[in-house]
Each structure stands twice: as C-alpha cells, then as structure tokens.
C-alpha cells in the first residue's frame, strides 16, 4: 500500500515547496500539515483538493496502488482456495 503522506512529501520536494508553503496553500497550520504528511491514508476529498493545489494527480497513483493490492489479495485467496480444493 502506498504511504500517501510520503508521496505528497515527494511531490512537494519535486515542486520545491516547503511544508510551510504547503500549509499556507491548504490554509492550515504548519503543525497540521506535518501531521497530514505523516498519514498513511487520507480522505479522498482531501486528496483531490491537494491534487488540485499542487497541480499533480495524487489520486491516480493511490488508486492504482490500492487496485493492485486488492487484485494481489484476490489472487492469493484464489491460490489458497485451489490448494484447499485439491486436497
């Protein structure tokens, strides 16, 4: 699973934006911005807002990672079912 806070930090670095600048863009305190960047996951509406502010599609990567995780788990479950039925 993707660590969305880390991914947002990477985008901020890529765009040469500080956490203080990011906080100002989000109209939140620096402390709140730092807490947000520590989160493994965040609300999709907030992620959409951040994507627009940074002009970077954060939803695409997080969606793809989540979809891949779900597909991998489904494949693993099918493999377990096949083993169980063959015994």
PDB file of N, CA and C in Angstrom:
ATOM      1  N   UNK A   1       0.849  -1.183   0.000  1.00  0.00           N
ATOM      2  CA  UNK A   1       0.000   0.000   0.000  1.00  0.00           C
ATOM      3  C   UNK A   1       0.895   1.247   0.000  1.00  0.00           C
ATOM      4  N   UNK A   2       0.454   2.227  -0.695  1.00  0.00           N
ATOM      5  CA  UNK A   2       1.203   3.488  -0.790  1.00  0.00           C
ATOM      6  C   UNK A   2       1.037   4.294   0.503  1.00  0.00           C
ATOM      7  N   UNK A   3       2.122   4.917   0.945  1.00  0.00           N
ATOM      8  CA  UNK A   3       2.078   5.847   2.094  1.00  0.00           C
ATOM      9  C   UNK A   3       1.832   7.224   1.490  1.00  0.00           C
ATOM     10  N   UNK A   4       0.577   7.663   1.522  1.00  0.00           N
ATOM     11  CA  UNK A   4       0.190   8.878   0.803  1.00  0.00           C
ATOM     12  C   UNK A   4       0.896  10.114   1.334  1.00  0.00           C
ATOM     13  N   UNK A   5       1.125  10.187   2.631  1.00  0.00           N
ATOM     14  CA  UNK A   5       1.836  11.342   3.188  1.00  0.00           C
ATOM     15  C   UNK A   5       3.245  11.448   2.633  1.00  0.00           C
ATOM     16  N   UNK A   6       3.928  10.307   2.551  1.00  0.00           N
ATOM     17  CA  UNK A   6       5.287  10.289   1.993  1.00  0.00           C
ATOM     18  C   UNK A   6       5.252  10.687   0.515  1.00  0.00           C
ATOM     19  N   UNK A   7       4.254  10.178  -0.192  1.00  0.00           N
ATOM     20  CA  UNK A   7       4.118  10.521  -1.609  1.00  0.00           C
ATOM     21  C   UNK A   7       3.902  12.029  -1.786  1.00  0.00           C
ATOM     22  N   UNK A   8       3.071  12.630  -0.950  1.00  0.00           N
ATOM     23  CA  UNK A   8       2.839  14.079  -1.024  1.00  0.00           C
ATOM     24  C   UNK A   8       4.137  14.823  -0.711  1.00  0.00           C
ATOM     25  N   UNK A   9       4.892  14.356   0.291  1.00  0.00           N
ATOM     26  CA  UNK A   9       6.196  14.966   0.609  1.00  0.00           C
ATOM     27  C   UNK A   9       7.110  14.935  -0.608  1.00  0.00           C
ATOM     28  N   UNK A  10       7.128  13.802  -1.302  1.00  0.00           N
ATOM     29  CA  UNK A  10       7.962  13.670  -2.507  1.00  0.00           C
ATOM     30  C   UNK A  10       7.554  14.681  -3.577  1.00  0.00           C
ATOM     31  N   UNK A  11       6.250  14.864  -3.737  1.00  0.00           N
ATOM     32  CA  UNK A  11       5.747  15.826  -4.721  1.00  0.00           C
ATOM     33  C   UNK A  11       6.135  17.250  -4.311  1.00  0.00           C
ATOM     34  N   UNK A  12       6.039  17.540  -3.017  1.00  0.00           N
ATOM     35  CA  UNK A  12       6.442  18.865  -2.536  1.00  0.00           C
ATOM     36  C   UNK A  12       7.916  19.121  -2.846  1.00  0.00           C
ATOM     37  N   UNK A  13       8.756  18.131  -2.597  1.00  0.00           N
ATOM     38  CA  UNK A  13      10.189  18.278  -2.901  1.00  0.00           C
ATOM     39  C   UNK A  13      10.414  18.478  -4.392  1.00  0.00           C
ATOM     40  N   UNK A  14       9.711  17.698  -5.192  1.00  0.00           N
ATOM     41  CA  UNK A  14       9.815  17.804  -6.650  1.00  0.00           C
ATOM     42  C   UNK A  14       9.442  19.212  -7.127  1.00  0.00           C
ATOM     43  N   UNK A  15       8.447  19.793  -6.482  1.00  0.00           N
ATOM     44  CA  UNK A  15       7.972  21.125  -6.860  1.00  0.00           C
ATOM     45  C   UNK A  15       8.680  22.238  -6.079  1.00  0.00           C
ATOM     46  N   UNK A  16       9.662  21.824  -5.266  1.00  0.00           N
ATOM     47  CA  UNK A  16      10.456  22.763  -4.465  1.00  0.00           C
ATOM     48  C   UNK A  16       9.579  23.635  -3.575  1.00  0.00           C
ATOM     49  N   UNK A  17       8.627  22.987  -2.918  1.00  0.00           N
ATOM     50  CA  UNK A  17       7.736  23.659  -1.980  1.00  0.00           C
ATOM     51  C   UNK A  17       8.046  23.179  -0.564  1.00  0.00           C
ATOM     52  N   UNK A  18       8.084  24.099   0.368  1.00  0.00           N
ATOM     53  CA  UNK A  18       8.298  23.739   1.773  1.00  0.00           C
ATOM     54  C   UNK A  18       6.970  23.332   2.397  1.00  0.00           C
ATOM     55  N   UNK A  19       7.058  22.709   3.560  1.00  0.00           N
ATOM     56  CA  UNK A  19       5.840  22.349   4.293  1.00  0.00           C
ATOM     57  C   UNK A  19       5.094  23.619   4.701  1.00  0.00           C
ATOM     58  N   UNK A  20       5.829  24.683   5.020  1.00  0.00           N
ATOM     59  CA  UNK A  20       5.184  25.961   5.368  1.00  0.00           C
ATOM     60  C   UNK A  20       4.386  26.506   4.187  1.00  0.00           C
ATOM     61  N   UNK A  21       4.963  26.436   2.987  1.00  0.00           N
ATOM     62  CA  UNK A  21       4.258  26.897   1.790  1.00  0.00           C
ATOM     63  C   UNK A  21       3.024  26.031   1.526  1.00  0.00           C
ATOM     64  N   UNK A  22       3.190  24.711   1.686  1.00  0.00           N
ATOM     65  CA  UNK A  22       2.076  23.781   1.509  1.00  0.00           C
ATOM     66  C   UNK A  22       0.961  24.104   2.506  1.00  0.00           C
ATOM     67  N   UNK A  23       1.333  24.344   3.770  1.00  0.00           N
ATOM     68  CA  UNK A  23       0.348  24.681   4.803  1.00  0.00           C
ATOM     69  C   UNK A  23      -0.415  25.964   4.434  1.00  0.00           C
ATOM     70  N   UNK A  24       0.313  26.948   3.946  1.00  0.00           N
ATOM     71  CA  UNK A  24      -0.333  28.205   3.543  1.00  0.00           C
ATOM     72  C   UNK A  24      -1.307  27.964   2.390  1.00  0.00           C
ATOM     73  N   UNK A  25      -0.917  27.142   1.433  1.00  0.00           N
ATOM     74  CA  UNK A  25      -1.801  26.819   0.303  1.00  0.00           C
ATOM     75  C   UNK A  25      -3.072  26.119   0.777  1.00  0.00           C
ATOM     76  N   UNK A  26      -2.924  25.268   1.801  1.00  0.00           N
ATOM     77  CA  UNK A  26      -4.048  24.488   2.320  1.00  0.00           C
ATOM     78  C   UNK A  26      -4.870  25.268   3.352  1.00  0.00           C
ATOM     79  N   UNK A  27      -4.345  26.442   3.772  1.00  0.00           N
ATOM     80  CA  UNK A  27      -4.997  27.236   4.826  1.00  0.00           C
ATOM     81  C   UNK A  27      -5.086  26.440   6.136  1.00  0.00           C
ATOM     82  N   UNK A  28      -3.960  25.779   6.467  1.00  0.00           N
ATOM     83  CA  UNK A  28      -3.846  25.031   7.711  1.00  0.00           C
ATOM     84  C   UNK A  28      -2.539  25.427   8.401  1.00  0.00           C
ATOM     85  N   UNK A  29      -2.403  25.081   9.657  1.00  0.00           N
ATOM     86  CA  UNK A  29      -1.156  25.387  10.361  1.00  0.00           C
ATOM     87  C   UNK A  29      -0.038  24.455   9.883  1.00  0.00           C
ATOM     88  N   UNK A  30       1.185  24.879  10.148  1.00  0.00           N
ATOM     89  CA  UNK A  30       2.340  24.038   9.803  1.00  0.00           C
ATOM     90  C   UNK A  30       2.266  22.702  10.539  1.00  0.00           C
ATOM     91  N   UNK A  31       1.880  22.751  11.806  1.00  0.00           N
ATOM     92  CA  UNK A  31       1.770  21.521  12.595  1.00  0.00           C
ATOM     93  C   UNK A  31       0.752  20.557  11.985  1.00  0.00           C
ATOM     94  N   UNK A  32      -0.370  21.090  11.542  1.00  0.00           N
ATOM     95  CA  UNK A  32      -1.398  20.260  10.902  1.00  0.00           C
ATOM     96  C   UNK A  32      -0.871  19.677   9.596  1.00  0.00           C
ATOM     97  N   UNK A  33      -0.121  20.462   8.843  1.00  0.00           N
ATOM     98  CA  UNK A  33       0.463  19.977   7.584  1.00  0.00           C
ATOM     99  C   UNK A  33       1.430  18.836   7.858  1.00  0.00           C
ATOM    100  N   UNK A  34       2.272  18.982   8.867  1.00  0.00           N
ATOM    101  CA  UNK A  34       3.201  17.908   9.214  1.00  0.00           C
ATOM    102  C   UNK A  34       2.457  16.638   9.620  1.00  0.00           C
ATOM    103  N   UNK A  35       1.377  16.788  10.392  1.00  0.00           N
ATOM    104  CA  UNK A  35       0.577  15.613  10.777  1.00  0.00           C
ATOM    105  C   UNK A  35      -0.050  14.962   9.552  1.00  0.00           C
ATOM    106  N   UNK A  36      -0.556  15.779   8.631  1.00  0.00           N
ATOM    107  CA  UNK A  36      -1.151  15.254   7.411  1.00  0.00           C
ATOM    108  C   UNK A  36      -0.128  14.434   6.625  1.00  0.00           C
ATOM    109  N   UNK A  37       1.120  14.926   6.579  1.00  0.00           N
ATOM    110  CA  UNK A  37       2.171  14.242   5.815  1.00  0.00           C
ATOM    111  C   UNK A  37       2.658  12.959   6.489  1.00  0.00           C
ATOM    112  N   UNK A  38       2.267  12.750   7.731  1.00  0.00           N
ATOM    113  CA  UNK A  38       2.606  11.505   8.436  1.00  0.00           C
ATOM    114  C   UNK A  38       1.565  10.419   8.200  1.00  0.00           C
ATOM    115  N   UNK A  39       0.406  10.800   7.664  1.00  0.00           N
ATOM    116  CA  UNK A  39      -0.686   9.848   7.465  1.00  0.00           C
ATOM    117  C   UNK A  39      -0.386   8.853   6.357  1.00  0.00           C
ATOM    118  N   UNK A  40      -0.743   7.600   6.622  1.00  0.00           N
ATOM    119  CA  UNK A  40      -0.615   6.548   5.612  1.00  0.00           C
ATOM    120  C   UNK A  40      -1.734   6.690   4.589  1.00  0.00           C
ATOM    121  N   UNK A  41      -2.893   7.134   5.033  1.00  0.00           N
ATOM    122  CA  UNK A  41      -4.022   7.341   4.121  1.00  0.00           C
ATOM    123  C   UNK A  41      -4.761   8.608   4.540  1.00  0.00           C
ATOM    124  N   UNK A  42      -5.469   9.193   3.581  1.00  0.00           N
ATOM    125  CA  UNK A  42      -6.278  10.372   3.878  1.00  0.00           C
ATOM    126  C   UNK A  42      -7.577  10.291   3.086  1.00  0.00           C
ATOM    127  N   UNK A  43      -8.517  11.106   3.482  1.00  0.00           N
ATOM    128  CA  UNK A  43      -9.818  11.183   2.825  1.00  0.00           C
ATOM    129  C   UNK A  43      -9.647  11.525   1.341  1.00  0.00           C
ATOM    130  N   UNK A  44     -10.408  10.874   0.497  1.00  0.00           N
ATOM    131  CA  UNK A  44     -10.291  11.074  -0.952  1.00  0.00           C
ATOM    132  C   UNK A  44     -10.614  12.517  -1.351  1.00  0.00           C
ATOM    133  N   UNK A  45     -11.530  13.167  -0.654  1.00  0.00           N
ATOM    134  CA  UNK A  45     -11.857  14.562  -0.982  1.00  0.00           C
ATOM    135  C   UNK A  45     -10.680  15.480  -0.660  1.00  0.00           C
ATOM    136  N   UNK A  46     -10.017  15.201   0.455  1.00  0.00           N
ATOM    137  CA  UNK A  46      -8.837  15.986   0.807  1.00  0.00           C
ATOM    138  C   UNK A  46      -7.708  15.722  -0.196  1.00  0.00           C
ATOM    139  N   UNK A  47      -7.570  14.484  -0.609  1.00  0.00           N
ATOM    140  CA  UNK A  47      -6.552  14.140  -1.598  1.00  0.00           C
ATOM    141  C   UNK A  47      -6.817  14.840  -2.932  1.00  0.00           C
ATOM    142  N   UNK A  48      -8.074  14.930  -3.302  1.00  0.00           N
ATOM    143  CA  UNK A  48      -8.453  15.631  -4.524  1.00  0.00           C
ATOM    144  C   UNK A  48      -8.108  17.119  -4.413  1.00  0.00           C
ATOM    145  N   UNK A  49      -8.389  17.698  -3.264  1.00  0.00           N
ATOM    146  CA  UNK A  49      -8.072  19.118  -3.041  1.00  0.00           C
ATOM    147  C   UNK A  49      -6.568  19.365  -3.126  1.00  0.00           C
ATOM    148  N   UNK A  50      -5.787  18.504  -2.487  1.00  0.00           N
ATOM    149  CA  UNK A  50      -4.330  18.642  -2.526  1.00  0.00           C
ATOM    150  C   UNK A  50      -3.824  18.479  -3.948  1.00  0.00           C
ATOM    151  N   UNK A  51      -4.387  17.536  -4.675  1.00  0.00           N
ATOM    152  CA  UNK A  51      -4.001  17.317  -6.081  1.00  0.00           C
ATOM    153  C   UNK A  51      -4.198  18.581  -6.905  1.00  0.00           C
ATOM    154  N   UNK A  52      -5.325  19.233  -6.707  1.00  0.00           N
ATOM    155  CA  UNK A  52      -5.614  20.469  -7.451  1.00  0.00           C
ATOM    156  C   UNK A  52      -4.645  21.581  -7.059  1.00  0.00           C
ATOM    157  N   UNK A  53      -4.398  21.722  -5.754  1.00  0.00           N
ATOM    158  CA  UNK A  53      -3.490  22.775  -5.295  1.00  0.00           C
ATOM    159  C   UNK A  53      -2.068  22.577  -5.811  1.00  0.00           C
ATOM    160  N   UNK A  54      -1.630  21.322  -5.859  1.00  0.00           N
ATOM    161  CA  UNK A  54      -0.271  21.028  -6.310  1.00  0.00           C
ATOM    162  C   UNK A  54      -0.183  20.808  -7.818  1.00  0.00           C
ATOM    163  N   UNK A  55      -1.345  20.805  -8.465  1.00  0.00           N
ATOM    164  CA  UNK A  55      -1.396  20.528  -9.901  1.00  0.00           C
ATOM    165  C   UNK A  55      -0.671  19.211 -10.217  1.00  0.00           C
ATOM    166  N   UNK A  56      -1.028  18.201  -9.421  1.00  0.00           N
ATOM    167  CA  UNK A  56      -0.405  16.882  -9.547  1.00  0.00           C
ATOM    168  C   UNK A  56      -1.456  15.831  -9.184  1.00  0.00           C
ATOM    169  N   UNK A  57      -1.677  14.860 -10.046  1.00  0.00           N
ATOM    170  CA  UNK A  57      -2.722  13.865  -9.821  1.00  0.00           C
ATOM    171  C   UNK A  57      -2.273  12.815  -8.807  1.00  0.00           C
ATOM    172  N   UNK A  58      -2.556  13.080  -7.550  1.00  0.00           N
ATOM    173  CA  UNK A  58      -2.226  12.142  -6.476  1.00  0.00           C
ATOM    174  C   UNK A  58      -3.211  10.981  -6.440  1.00  0.00           C
ATOM    175  N   UNK A  59      -4.405  11.205  -6.924  1.00  0.00           N
ATOM    176  CA  UNK A  59      -5.433  10.174  -6.912  1.00  0.00           C
ATOM    177  C   UNK A  59      -5.065   9.006  -7.806  1.00  0.00           C
ATOM    178  N   UNK A  60      -4.467   9.267  -8.929  1.00  0.00           N
ATOM    179  CA  UNK A  60      -4.133   8.229  -9.889  1.00  0.00           C
ATOM    180  C   UNK A  60      -3.199   7.199  -9.261  1.00  0.00           C
ATOM    181  N   UNK A  61      -2.114   7.653  -8.669  1.00  0.00           N
ATOM    182  CA  UNK A  61      -1.152   6.723  -8.088  1.00  0.00           C
ATOM    183  C   UNK A  61      -1.753   5.971  -6.910  1.00  0.00           C
ATOM    184  N   UNK A  62      -2.456   6.663  -6.037  1.00  0.00           N
ATOM    185  CA  UNK A  62      -3.016   5.980  -4.867  1.00  0.00           C
ATOM    186  C   UNK A  62      -4.099   4.986  -5.299  1.00  0.00           C
ATOM    187  N   UNK A  63      -4.888   5.331  -6.327  1.00  0.00           N
ATOM    188  CA  UNK A  63      -5.915   4.412  -6.827  1.00  0.00           C
ATOM    189  C   UNK A  63      -5.269   3.177  -7.430  1.00  0.00           C
ATOM    190  N   UNK A  64      -4.241   3.385  -8.256  1.00  0.00           N
ATOM    191  CA  UNK A  64      -3.574   2.250  -8.892  1.00  0.00           C
ATOM    192  C   UNK A  64      -2.952   1.326  -7.858  1.00  0.00           C
ATOM    193  N   UNK A  65      -2.291   1.893  -6.851  1.00  0.00           N
ATOM    194  CA  UNK A  65      -1.674   1.084  -5.798  1.00  0.00           C
ATOM    195  C   UNK A  65      -2.737   0.287  -5.050  1.00  0.00           C
ATOM    196  N   UNK A  66      -3.861   0.920  -4.719  1.00  0.00           N
ATOM    197  CA  UNK A  66      -4.921   0.244  -3.986  1.00  0.00           C
ATOM    198  C   UNK A  66      -5.524  -0.864  -4.828  1.00  0.00           C
ATOM    199  N   UNK A  67      -5.746  -0.598  -6.113  1.00  0.00           N
ATOM    200  CA  UNK A  67      -6.309  -1.598  -7.005  1.00  0.00           C
ATOM    201  C   UNK A  67      -5.372  -2.789  -7.117  1.00  0.00           C
ATOM    202  N   UNK A  68      -4.071  -2.528  -7.238  1.00  0.00           N
ATOM    203  CA  UNK A  68      -3.103  -3.613  -7.335  1.00  0.00           C
ATOM    204  C   UNK A  68      -3.088  -4.429  -6.053  1.00  0.00           C
ATOM    205  N   UNK A  69      -3.175  -3.790  -4.899  1.00  0.00           N
ATOM    206  CA  UNK A  69      -3.212  -4.506  -3.626  1.00  0.00           C
ATOM    207  C   UNK A  69      -4.432  -5.412  -3.566  1.00  0.00           C
ATOM    208  N   UNK A  70      -5.581  -4.901  -3.985  1.00  0.00           N
ATOM    209  CA  UNK A  70      -6.819  -5.691  -3.968  1.00  0.00           C
ATOM    210  C   UNK A  70      -6.695  -6.882  -4.902  1.00  0.00           C
ATOM    211  N   UNK A  71      -6.175  -6.650  -6.118  1.00  0.00           N
ATOM    212  CA  UNK A  71      -6.010  -7.743  -7.072  1.00  0.00           C
ATOM    213  C   UNK A  71      -5.040  -8.789  -6.555  1.00  0.00           C
ATOM    214  N   UNK A  72      -3.943  -8.354  -5.933  1.00  0.00           N
ATOM    215  CA  UNK A  72      -2.977  -9.298  -5.377  1.00  0.00           C
ATOM    216  C   UNK A  72      -3.604 -10.125  -4.270  1.00  0.00           C
ATOM    217  N   UNK A  73      -4.386  -9.503  -3.407  1.00  0.00           N
ATOM    218  CA  UNK A  73      -5.057 -10.236  -2.330  1.00  0.00           C
ATOM    219  C   UNK A  73      -6.057 -11.230  -2.889  1.00  0.00           C
ATOM    220  N   UNK A  74      -6.803 -10.841  -3.927  1.00  0.00           N
ATOM    221  CA  UNK A  74      -7.760 -11.750  -4.559  1.00  0.00           C
ATOM    222  C   UNK A  74      -7.036 -12.945  -5.167  1.00  0.00           C
ATOM    223  N   UNK A  75      -5.906 -12.702  -5.828  1.00  0.00           N
ATOM    224  CA  UNK A  75      -5.129 -13.781  -6.432  1.00  0.00           C
ATOM    225  C   UNK A  75      -4.619 -14.733  -5.367  1.00  0.00           C
ATOM    226  N   UNK A  76      -4.168 -14.185  -4.248  1.00  0.00           N
ATOM    227  CA  UNK A  76      -3.670 -15.025  -3.166  1.00  0.00           C
ATOM    228  C   UNK A  76      -4.801 -15.869  -2.587  1.00  0.00           C
ATOM    229  N   UNK A  77      -5.989 -15.292  -2.446  1.00  0.00           N
ATOM    230  CA  UNK A  77      -7.130 -16.036  -1.914  1.00  0.00           C
ATOM    231  C   UNK A  77      -7.517 -17.161  -2.863  1.00  0.00           C
ATOM    232  N   UNK A  78      -7.488 -16.889  -4.174  1.00  0.00           N
ATOM    233  CA  UNK A  78      -7.819 -17.924  -5.155  1.00  0.00           C
ATOM    234  C   UNK A  78      -6.805 -19.056  -5.081  1.00  0.00           C
ATOM    235  N   UNK A  79      -5.542 -18.709  -4.909  1.00  0.00           N
ATOM    236  CA  UNK A  79      -4.495 -19.714  -4.787  1.00  0.00           C
ATOM    237  C   UNK A  79      -4.716 -20.591  -3.577  1.00  0.00           C
ATOM    238  N   UNK A  80      -5.129 -20.003  -2.469  1.00  0.00           N
ATOM    239  CA  UNK A  80      -5.418 -20.767  -1.260  1.00  0.00           C
ATOM    240  C   UNK A  80      -6.633 -21.665  -1.500  1.00  0.00           C
ATOM    241  N   UNK A  81      -7.649 -21.150  -2.173  1.00  0.00           N
ATOM    242  CA  UNK A  81      -8.842 -21.952  -2.458  1.00  0.00           C
ATOM    243  C   UNK A  81      -8.483 -23.145  -3.331  1.00  0.00           C
ATOM    244  N   UNK A  82      -7.628 -22.928  -4.345  1.00  0.00           N
ATOM    245  CA  UNK A  82      -7.229 -24.017  -5.221  1.00  0.00           C
ATOM    246  C   UNK A  82      -6.474 -25.092  -4.462  1.00  0.00           C
ATOM    247  N   UNK A  83      -5.638 -24.700  -3.520  1.00  0.00           N
ATOM    248  CA  UNK A  83      -4.896 -25.656  -2.717  1.00  0.00           C
ATOM    249  C   UNK A  83      -5.848 -26.453  -1.838  1.00  0.00           C
ATOM    250  N   UNK A  84      -6.819 -25.758  -1.239  1.00  0.00           N
ATOM    251  CA  UNK A  84      -7.772 -26.403  -0.350  1.00  0.00           C
ATOM    252  C   UNK A  84      -8.635 -27.427  -1.110  1.00  0.00           C
ATOM    253  N   UNK A  85      -9.071 -27.100  -2.337  1.00  0.00           N
ATOM    254  CA  UNK A  85      -9.945 -27.984  -3.087  1.00  0.00           C
ATOM    255  C   UNK A  85      -9.189 -29.178  -3.674  1.00  0.00           C
ATOM    256  N   UNK A  86      -7.877 -29.052  -3.841  1.00  0.00           N
ATOM    257  CA  UNK A  86      -7.121 -30.139  -4.435  1.00  0.00           C
ATOM    258  C   UNK A  86      -6.759 -31.209  -3.408  1.00  0.00           C
ATOM    259  N   UNK A  87      -7.008 -30.949  -2.130  1.00  0.00           N
ATOM    260  CA  UNK A  87      -6.652 -31.933  -1.081  1.00  0.00           C
ATOM    261  C   UNK A  87      -7.749 -32.923  -0.853  1.00  0.00           C
TER     262      UNK A  87
END
